[in-house]
Amino acid sequence: IGVAAHPSPGWTGPTVVGGLAAAGYRIATSGAAERQ
């Protein structure tokens, strides 16, 4: 809890995509930049 799937306007907390990036995971580039 307390974690968003991806960044969005008004949200300044942690995100799944940010957590994966910090852990070294490379994910698909398809989709909008903030929710690839």
ModelCIF file with pLDDT and N, C-alpha, C, O atoms, coordinates in Angstrom:
data_MODEL
#
_entry.id   MODEL 
#
_entity.id                         1 
_entity.type                       polymer 
_entity.pdbx_number_of_molecules   1 
#
_entity_poly.entity_id                      1 
_entity_poly.type                           'polypeptide(L)' 
_entity_poly.nstd_linkage                   no 
_entity_poly.nstd_monomer                   no 
_entity_poly.pdbx_seq_one_letter_code       IGVAAHPSPGWTGPTVVGGLAAAGYRIATSGAAERQ 
_entity_poly.pdbx_seq_one_letter_code_can   IGVAAHPSPGWTGPTVVGGLAAAGYRIATSGAAERQ 
_entity_poly.pdbx_strand_id                 A 
#
loop_
_entity_poly_seq.entity_id 
_entity_poly_seq.num 
_entity_poly_seq.mon_id 
_entity_poly_seq.hetero 
1 1  ILE n 
1 2  GLY n 
1 3  VAL n 
1 4  ALA n 
1 5  ALA n 
1 6  HIS n 
1 7  PRO n 
1 8  SER n 
1 9  PRO n 
1 10 GLY n 
1 11 TRP n 
1 12 THR n 
1 13 GLY n 
1 14 PRO n 
1 15 THR n 
1 16 VAL n 
1 17 VAL n 
1 18 GLY n 
1 19 GLY n 
1 20 LEU n 
1 21 ALA n 
1 22 ALA n 
1 23 ALA n 
1 24 GLY n 
1 25 TYR n 
1 26 ARG n 
1 27 ILE n 
1 28 ALA n 
1 29 THR n 
1 30 SER n 
1 31 GLY n 
1 32 ALA n 
1 33 ALA n 
1 34 GLU n 
1 35 ARG n 
1 36 GLN n 
#
_struct_asym.id          A 
_struct_asym.entity_id   1 
#
loop_
_ma_qa_metric.id 
_ma_qa_metric.mode 
_ma_qa_metric.name 
_ma_qa_metric.software_group_id 
_ma_qa_metric.type 
1 global pLDDT . pLDDT 
2 local  pLDDT . pLDDT 
#
_ma_qa_metric_global.metric_id      1 
_ma_qa_metric_global.metric_value   89.31 
_ma_qa_metric_global.model_id       1 
_ma_qa_metric_global.ordinal_id     1 
#
loop_
_ma_qa_metric_local.label_asym_id 
_ma_qa_metric_local.label_comp_id 
_ma_qa_metric_local.label_seq_id 
_ma_qa_metric_local.metric_id 
_ma_qa_metric_local.metric_value 
_ma_qa_metric_local.model_id 
_ma_qa_metric_local.ordinal_id 
A ILE 1  2 96.00 1 1  
A GLY 2  2 95.00 1 2  
A VAL 3  2 96.00 1 3  
A ALA 4  2 95.00 1 4  
A ALA 5  2 94.00 1 5  
A HIS 6  2 92.00 1 6  
A PRO 7  2 89.00 1 7  
A SER 8  2 85.00 1 8  
A PRO 9  2 79.00 1 9  
A GLY 10 2 77.00 1 10 
A TRP 11 2 85.00 1 11 
A THR 12 2 85.00 1 12 
A GLY 13 2 92.00 1 13 
A PRO 14 2 95.00 1 14 
A THR 15 2 95.00 1 15 
A VAL 16 2 97.00 1 16 
A VAL 17 2 95.00 1 17 
A GLY 18 2 95.00 1 18 
A GLY 19 2 96.00 1 19 
A LEU 20 2 97.00 1 20 
A ALA 21 2 95.00 1 21 
A ALA 22 2 96.00 1 22 
A ALA 23 2 96.00 1 23 
A GLY 24 2 95.00 1 24 
A TYR 25 2 95.00 1 25 
A ARG 26 2 93.00 1 26 
A ILE 27 2 93.00 1 27 
A ALA 28 2 92.00 1 28 
A THR 29 2 87.00 1 29 
A SER 30 2 83.00 1 30 
A GLY 31 2 77.00 1 31 
A ALA 32 2 75.00 1 32 
A ALA 33 2 72.00 1 33 
A GLU 34 2 68.00 1 34 
A ARG 35 2 82.00 1 35 
A GLN 36 2 86.00 1 36 
#
loop_
_atom_site.group_PDB 
_atom_site.id 
_atom_site.type_symbol 
_atom_site.label_atom_id 
_atom_site.label_alt_id 
_atom_site.label_comp_id 
_atom_site.label_asym_id 
_atom_site.label_entity_id 
_atom_site.label_seq_id 
_atom_site.pdbx_PDB_ins_code 
_atom_site.Cartn_x 
_atom_site.Cartn_y 
_atom_site.Cartn_z 
_atom_site.occupancy 
_atom_site.B_iso_or_equiv 
_atom_site.pdbx_formal_charge 
_atom_site.auth_seq_id 
_atom_site.auth_comp_id 
_atom_site.auth_asym_id 
_atom_site.auth_atom_id 
_atom_site.pdbx_PDB_model_num 
ATOM 1   N N  . ILE A 1 1  ? 0.838  -1.198 0.000   1.00 96.00 ? 1  ILE A N  1 
ATOM 2   C CA . ILE A 1 1  ? 0.000  0.000  0.000   1.00 96.00 ? 1  ILE A CA 1 
ATOM 3   C C  . ILE A 1 1  ? 0.874  1.249  0.000   1.00 96.00 ? 1  ILE A C  1 
ATOM 4   O O  . ILE A 1 1  ? 2.053  1.201  0.350   1.00 96.00 ? 1  ILE A O  1 
ATOM 5   N N  . GLY A 1 2  ? 0.269  2.374  -0.402  1.00 95.00 ? 2  GLY A N  1 
ATOM 6   C CA . GLY A 1 2  ? 1.000  3.636  -0.418  1.00 95.00 ? 2  GLY A CA 1 
ATOM 7   C C  . GLY A 1 2  ? 1.909  3.792  -1.609  1.00 95.00 ? 2  GLY A C  1 
ATOM 8   O O  . GLY A 1 2  ? 2.763  4.677  -1.634  1.00 95.00 ? 2  GLY A O  1 
ATOM 9   N N  . VAL A 1 3  ? 1.732  2.928  -2.611  1.00 96.00 ? 3  VAL A N  1 
ATOM 10  C CA . VAL A 1 3  ? 2.577  2.953  -3.809  1.00 96.00 ? 3  VAL A CA 1 
ATOM 11  C C  . VAL A 1 3  ? 1.670  3.018  -5.034  1.00 96.00 ? 3  VAL A C  1 
ATOM 12  O O  . VAL A 1 3  ? 0.760  2.202  -5.182  1.00 96.00 ? 3  VAL A O  1 
ATOM 13  N N  . ALA A 1 4  ? 1.920  3.991  -5.914  1.00 95.00 ? 4  ALA A N  1 
ATOM 14  C CA . ALA A 1 4  ? 1.161  4.095  -7.160  1.00 95.00 ? 4  ALA A CA 1 
ATOM 15  C C  . ALA A 1 4  ? 1.811  3.237  -8.231  1.00 95.00 ? 4  ALA A C  1 
ATOM 16  O O  . ALA A 1 4  ? 2.988  2.890  -8.131  1.00 95.00 ? 4  ALA A O  1 
ATOM 17  N N  . ALA A 1 5  ? 1.042  2.896  -9.255  1.00 94.00 ? 5  ALA A N  1 
ATOM 18  C CA . ALA A 1 5  ? 1.605  2.101  -10.353 1.00 94.00 ? 5  ALA A CA 1 
ATOM 19  C C  . ALA A 1 5  ? 2.656  2.902  -11.113 1.00 94.00 ? 5  ALA A C  1 
ATOM 20  O O  . ALA A 1 5  ? 3.708  2.376  -11.478 1.00 94.00 ? 5  ALA A O  1 
ATOM 21  N N  . HIS A 1 6  ? 2.361  4.185  -11.349 1.00 92.00 ? 6  HIS A N  1 
ATOM 22  C CA . HIS A 1 6  ? 3.268  5.040  -12.115 1.00 92.00 ? 6  HIS A CA 1 
ATOM 23  C C  . HIS A 1 6  ? 3.051  6.486  -11.697 1.00 92.00 ? 6  HIS A C  1 
ATOM 24  O O  . HIS A 1 6  ? 2.059  6.779  -11.029 1.00 92.00 ? 6  HIS A O  1 
ATOM 25  N N  . PRO A 1 7  ? 3.943  7.403  -12.066 1.00 89.00 ? 7  PRO A N  1 
ATOM 26  C CA . PRO A 1 7  ? 3.764  8.808  -11.697 1.00 89.00 ? 7  PRO A CA 1 
ATOM 27  C C  . PRO A 1 7  ? 2.498  9.384  -12.328 1.00 89.00 ? 7  PRO A C  1 
ATOM 28  O O  . PRO A 1 7  ? 2.078  8.955  -13.403 1.00 89.00 ? 7  PRO A O  1 
ATOM 29  N N  . SER A 1 8  ? 1.905  10.343 -11.660 1.00 85.00 ? 8  SER A N  1 
ATOM 30  C CA . SER A 1 8  ? 0.732  11.039 -12.184 1.00 85.00 ? 8  SER A CA 1 
ATOM 31  C C  . SER A 1 8  ? 0.691  12.423 -11.561 1.00 85.00 ? 8  SER A C  1 
ATOM 32  O O  . SER A 1 8  ? 1.294  12.639 -10.510 1.00 85.00 ? 8  SER A O  1 
ATOM 33  N N  . PRO A 1 9  ? -0.015 13.374 -12.188 1.00 79.00 ? 9  PRO A N  1 
ATOM 34  C CA . PRO A 1 9  ? -0.085 14.736 -11.630 1.00 79.00 ? 9  PRO A CA 1 
ATOM 35  C C  . PRO A 1 9  ? -0.621 14.722 -10.204 1.00 79.00 ? 9  PRO A C  1 
ATOM 36  O O  . PRO A 1 9  ? -1.649 14.107 -9.923  1.00 79.00 ? 9  PRO A O  1 
ATOM 37  N N  . GLY A 1 10 ? 0.082  15.402 -9.311  1.00 77.00 ? 10 GLY A N  1 
ATOM 38  C CA . GLY A 1 10 ? -0.357 15.489 -7.925  1.00 77.00 ? 10 GLY A CA 1 
ATOM 39  C C  . GLY A 1 10 ? 0.168  14.397 -7.025  1.00 77.00 ? 10 GLY A C  1 
ATOM 40  O O  . GLY A 1 10 ? 0.059  14.507 -5.804  1.00 77.00 ? 10 GLY A O  1 
ATOM 41  N N  . TRP A 1 11 ? 0.744  13.327 -7.598  1.00 85.00 ? 11 TRP A N  1 
ATOM 42  C CA . TRP A 1 11 ? 1.281  12.239 -6.777  1.00 85.00 ? 11 TRP A CA 1 
ATOM 43  C C  . TRP A 1 11 ? 2.785  12.408 -6.626  1.00 85.00 ? 11 TRP A C  1 
ATOM 44  O O  . TRP A 1 11 ? 3.506  12.465 -7.621  1.00 85.00 ? 11 TRP A O  1 
ATOM 45  N N  . THR A 1 12 ? 3.261  12.488 -5.394  1.00 85.00 ? 12 THR A N  1 
ATOM 46  C CA . THR A 1 12 ? 4.691  12.667 -5.140  1.00 85.00 ? 12 THR A CA 1 
ATOM 47  C C  . THR A 1 12 ? 5.301  11.483 -4.402  1.00 85.00 ? 12 THR A C  1 
ATOM 48  O O  . THR A 1 12 ? 6.477  11.514 -4.037  1.00 85.00 ? 12 THR A O  1 
ATOM 49  N N  . GLY A 1 13 ? 4.507  10.439 -4.180  1.00 92.00 ? 13 GLY A N  1 
ATOM 50  C CA . GLY A 1 13 ? 4.985  9.277  -3.453  1.00 92.00 ? 13 GLY A CA 1 
ATOM 51  C C  . GLY A 1 13 ? 5.673  8.260  -4.351  1.00 92.00 ? 13 GLY A C  1 
ATOM 52  O O  . GLY A 1 13 ? 5.900  8.519  -5.533  1.00 92.00 ? 13 GLY A O  1 
ATOM 53  N N  . PRO A 1 14 ? 6.007  7.099  -3.786  1.00 95.00 ? 14 PRO A N  1 
ATOM 54  C CA . PRO A 1 14 ? 6.710  6.059  -4.540  1.00 95.00 ? 14 PRO A CA 1 
ATOM 55  C C  . PRO A 1 14 ? 5.825  5.422  -5.600  1.00 95.00 ? 14 PRO A C  1 
ATOM 56  O O  . PRO A 1 14 ? 4.598  5.459  -5.505  1.00 95.00 ? 14 PRO A O  1 
ATOM 57  N N  . THR A 1 15 ? 6.464  4.836  -6.614  1.00 95.00 ? 15 THR A N  1 
ATOM 58  C CA . THR A 1 15 ? 5.745  4.169  -7.697  1.00 95.00 ? 15 THR A CA 1 
ATOM 59  C C  . THR A 1 15 ? 6.389  2.824  -8.011  1.00 95.00 ? 15 THR A C  1 
ATOM 60  O O  . THR A 1 15 ? 7.559  2.586  -7.711  1.00 95.00 ? 15 THR A O  1 
ATOM 61  N N  . VAL A 1 16 ? 5.594  1.958  -8.619  1.00 97.00 ? 16 VAL A N  1 
ATOM 62  C CA . VAL A 1 16 ? 6.111  0.651  -9.036  1.00 97.00 ? 16 VAL A CA 1 
ATOM 63  C C  . VAL A 1 16 ? 7.209  0.817  -10.075 1.00 97.00 ? 16 VAL A C  1 
ATOM 64  O O  . VAL A 1 16 ? 8.268  0.201  -9.957  1.00 97.00 ? 16 VAL A O  1 
ATOM 65  N N  . VAL A 1 17 ? 6.971  1.646  -11.097 1.00 95.00 ? 17 VAL A N  1 
ATOM 66  C CA . VAL A 1 17 ? 7.988  1.797  -12.145 1.00 95.00 ? 17 VAL A CA 1 
ATOM 67  C C  . VAL A 1 17 ? 9.256  2.440  -11.593 1.00 95.00 ? 17 VAL A C  1 
ATOM 68  O O  . VAL A 1 17 ? 10.356 2.104  -12.030 1.00 95.00 ? 17 VAL A O  1 
ATOM 69  N N  . GLY A 1 18 ? 9.119  3.357  -10.641 1.00 95.00 ? 18 GLY A N  1 
ATOM 70  C CA . GLY A 1 18 ? 10.302 3.950  -10.019 1.00 95.00 ? 18 GLY A CA 1 
ATOM 71  C C  . GLY A 1 18 ? 11.070 2.947  -9.190  1.00 95.00 ? 18 GLY A C  1 
ATOM 72  O O  . GLY A 1 18 ? 12.301 2.939  -9.192  1.00 95.00 ? 18 GLY A O  1 
ATOM 73  N N  . GLY A 1 19 ? 10.328 2.084  -8.465  1.00 96.00 ? 19 GLY A N  1 
ATOM 74  C CA . GLY A 1 19 ? 10.974 1.051  -7.663  1.00 96.00 ? 19 GLY A CA 1 
ATOM 75  C C  . GLY A 1 19 ? 11.702 0.039  -8.520  1.00 96.00 ? 19 GLY A C  1 
ATOM 76  O O  . GLY A 1 19 ? 12.798 -0.400 -8.172  1.00 96.00 ? 19 GLY A O  1 
ATOM 77  N N  . LEU A 1 20 ? 11.091 -0.342 -9.660  1.00 97.00 ? 20 LEU A N  1 
ATOM 78  C CA . LEU A 1 20 ? 11.752 -1.287 -10.566 1.00 97.00 ? 20 LEU A CA 1 
ATOM 79  C C  . LEU A 1 20 ? 13.002 -0.667 -11.187 1.00 97.00 ? 20 LEU A C  1 
ATOM 80  O O  . LEU A 1 20 ? 14.029 -1.329 -11.339 1.00 97.00 ? 20 LEU A O  1 
ATOM 81  N N  . ALA A 1 21 ? 12.900 0.620  -11.545 1.00 95.00 ? 21 ALA A N  1 
ATOM 82  C CA . ALA A 1 21 ? 14.069 1.292  -12.125 1.00 95.00 ? 21 ALA A CA 1 
ATOM 83  C C  . ALA A 1 21 ? 15.212 1.340  -11.124 1.00 95.00 ? 21 ALA A C  1 
ATOM 84  O O  . ALA A 1 21 ? 16.367 1.117  -11.487 1.00 95.00 ? 21 ALA A O  1 
ATOM 85  N N  . ALA A 1 22 ? 14.894 1.632  -9.861  1.00 96.00 ? 22 ALA A N  1 
ATOM 86  C CA . ALA A 1 22 ? 15.932 1.692  -8.834  1.00 96.00 ? 22 ALA A CA 1 
ATOM 87  C C  . ALA A 1 22 ? 16.582 0.339  -8.596  1.00 96.00 ? 22 ALA A C  1 
ATOM 88  O O  . ALA A 1 22 ? 17.753 0.257  -8.227  1.00 96.00 ? 22 ALA A O  1 
ATOM 89  N N  . ALA A 1 23 ? 15.806 -0.728 -8.813  1.00 96.00 ? 23 ALA A N  1 
ATOM 90  C CA . ALA A 1 23 ? 16.331 -2.078 -8.612  1.00 96.00 ? 23 ALA A CA 1 
ATOM 91  C C  . ALA A 1 23 ? 17.044 -2.617 -9.851  1.00 96.00 ? 23 ALA A C  1 
ATOM 92  O O  . ALA A 1 23 ? 17.507 -3.758 -9.860  1.00 96.00 ? 23 ALA A O  1 
ATOM 93  N N  . GLY A 1 24 ? 17.131 -1.796 -10.889 1.00 95.00 ? 24 GLY A N  1 
ATOM 94  C CA . GLY A 1 24 ? 17.888 -2.188 -12.071 1.00 95.00 ? 24 GLY A CA 1 
ATOM 95  C C  . GLY A 1 24 ? 17.101 -2.899 -13.144 1.00 95.00 ? 24 GLY A C  1 
ATOM 96  O O  . GLY A 1 24 ? 17.693 -3.442 -14.077 1.00 95.00 ? 24 GLY A O  1 
ATOM 97  N N  . TYR A 1 25 ? 15.783 -2.914 -13.045 1.00 95.00 ? 25 TYR A N  1 
ATOM 98  C CA . TYR A 1 25 ? 14.965 -3.581 -14.065 1.00 95.00 ? 25 TYR A CA 1 
ATOM 99  C C  . TYR A 1 25 ? 14.756 -2.643 -15.245 1.00 95.00 ? 25 TYR A C  1 
ATOM 100 O O  . TYR A 1 25 ? 14.470 -1.459 -15.070 1.00 95.00 ? 25 TYR A O  1 
ATOM 101 N N  . ARG A 1 26 ? 14.902 -3.184 -16.442 1.00 93.00 ? 26 ARG A N  1 
ATOM 102 C CA . ARG A 1 26 ? 14.606 -2.437 -17.656 1.00 93.00 ? 26 ARG A CA 1 
ATOM 103 C C  . ARG A 1 26 ? 13.270 -2.925 -18.187 1.00 93.00 ? 26 ARG A C  1 
ATOM 104 O O  . ARG A 1 26 ? 13.087 -4.121 -18.414 1.00 93.00 ? 26 ARG A O  1 
ATOM 105 N N  . ILE A 1 27 ? 12.339 -2.007 -18.386 1.00 93.00 ? 27 ILE A N  1 
ATOM 106 C CA . ILE A 1 27 ? 11.004 -2.401 -18.824 1.00 93.00 ? 27 ILE A CA 1 
ATOM 107 C C  . ILE A 1 27 ? 10.729 -1.860 -20.215 1.00 93.00 ? 27 ILE A C  1 
ATOM 108 O O  . ILE A 1 27 ? 11.507 -1.067 -20.745 1.00 93.00 ? 27 ILE A O  1 
ATOM 109 N N  . ALA A 1 28 ? 9.620  -2.290 -20.805 1.00 92.00 ? 28 ALA A N  1 
ATOM 110 C CA . ALA A 1 28 ? 9.280  -1.913 -22.178 1.00 92.00 ? 28 ALA A CA 1 
ATOM 111 C C  . ALA A 1 28 ? 9.179  -0.399 -22.304 1.00 92.00 ? 28 ALA A C  1 
ATOM 112 O O  . ALA A 1 28 ? 8.822  0.291  -21.349 1.00 92.00 ? 28 ALA A O  1 
ATOM 113 N N  . THR A 1 29 ? 9.497  0.112  -23.494 1.00 87.00 ? 29 THR A N  1 
ATOM 114 C CA . THR A 1 29 ? 9.408  1.549  -23.739 1.00 87.00 ? 29 THR A CA 1 
ATOM 115 C C  . THR A 1 29 ? 8.060  1.944  -24.312 1.00 87.00 ? 29 THR A C  1 
ATOM 116 O O  . THR A 1 29 ? 7.806  3.131  -24.514 1.00 87.00 ? 29 THR A O  1 
ATOM 117 N N  . SER A 1 30 ? 7.184  0.972  -24.580 1.00 83.00 ? 30 SER A N  1 
ATOM 118 C CA . SER A 1 30 ? 5.856  1.285  -25.108 1.00 83.00 ? 30 SER A CA 1 
ATOM 119 C C  . SER A 1 30 ? 5.014  1.953  -24.031 1.00 83.00 ? 30 SER A C  1 
ATOM 120 O O  . SER A 1 30 ? 5.173  1.682  -22.841 1.00 83.00 ? 30 SER A O  1 
ATOM 121 N N  . GLY A 1 31 ? 4.118  2.829  -24.467 1.00 77.00 ? 31 GLY A N  1 
ATOM 122 C CA . GLY A 1 31 ? 3.270  3.548  -23.530 1.00 77.00 ? 31 GLY A CA 1 
ATOM 123 C C  . GLY A 1 31 ? 3.811  4.940  -23.272 1.00 77.00 ? 31 GLY A C  1 
ATOM 124 O O  . GLY A 1 31 ? 4.931  5.265  -23.667 1.00 77.00 ? 31 GLY A O  1 
ATOM 125 N N  . ALA A 1 32 ? 3.006  5.768  -22.601 1.00 75.00 ? 32 ALA A N  1 
ATOM 126 C CA . ALA A 1 32 ? 3.450  7.120  -22.260 1.00 75.00 ? 32 ALA A CA 1 
ATOM 127 C C  . ALA A 1 32 ? 4.715  7.058  -21.417 1.00 75.00 ? 32 ALA A C  1 
ATOM 128 O O  . ALA A 1 32 ? 4.965  6.069  -20.729 1.00 75.00 ? 32 ALA A O  1 
ATOM 129 N N  . ALA A 1 33 ? 5.516  8.129  -21.475 1.00 72.00 ? 33 ALA A N  1 
ATOM 130 C CA . ALA A 1 33 ? 6.843  8.117  -20.842 1.00 72.00 ? 33 ALA A CA 1 
ATOM 131 C C  . ALA A 1 33 ? 6.785  7.769  -19.365 1.00 72.00 ? 33 ALA A C  1 
ATOM 132 O O  . ALA A 1 33 ? 7.654  7.057  -18.862 1.00 72.00 ? 33 ALA A O  1 
ATOM 133 N N  . GLU A 1 34 ? 5.756  8.269  -18.652 1.00 68.00 ? 34 GLU A N  1 
ATOM 134 C CA . GLU A 1 34 ? 5.716  8.051  -17.210 1.00 68.00 ? 34 GLU A CA 1 
ATOM 135 C C  . GLU A 1 34 ? 5.140  6.691  -16.828 1.00 68.00 ? 34 GLU A C  1 
ATOM 136 O O  . GLU A 1 34 ? 5.202  6.306  -15.661 1.00 68.00 ? 34 GLU A O  1 
ATOM 137 N N  . ARG A 1 35 ? 4.582  5.960  -17.788 1.00 82.00 ? 35 ARG A N  1 
ATOM 138 C CA . ARG A 1 35 ? 4.023  4.643  -17.463 1.00 82.00 ? 35 ARG A CA 1 
ATOM 139 C C  . ARG A 1 35 ? 4.409  3.580  -18.493 1.00 82.00 ? 35 ARG A C  1 
ATOM 140 O O  . ARG A 1 35 ? 3.617  2.698  -18.824 1.00 82.00 ? 35 ARG A O  1 
ATOM 141 N N  . GLN A 1 36 ? 5.632  3.683  -18.988 1.00 86.00 ? 36 GLN A N  1 
ATOM 142 C CA . GLN A 1 36 ? 6.116  2.686  -19.930 1.00 86.00 ? 36 GLN A CA 1 
ATOM 143 C C  . GLN A 1 36 ? 6.099  1.297  -19.294 1.00 86.00 ? 36 GLN A C  1 
ATOM 144 O O  . GLN A 1 36 ? 6.475  0.318  -19.940 1.00 86.00 ? 36 GLN A O  1 
#
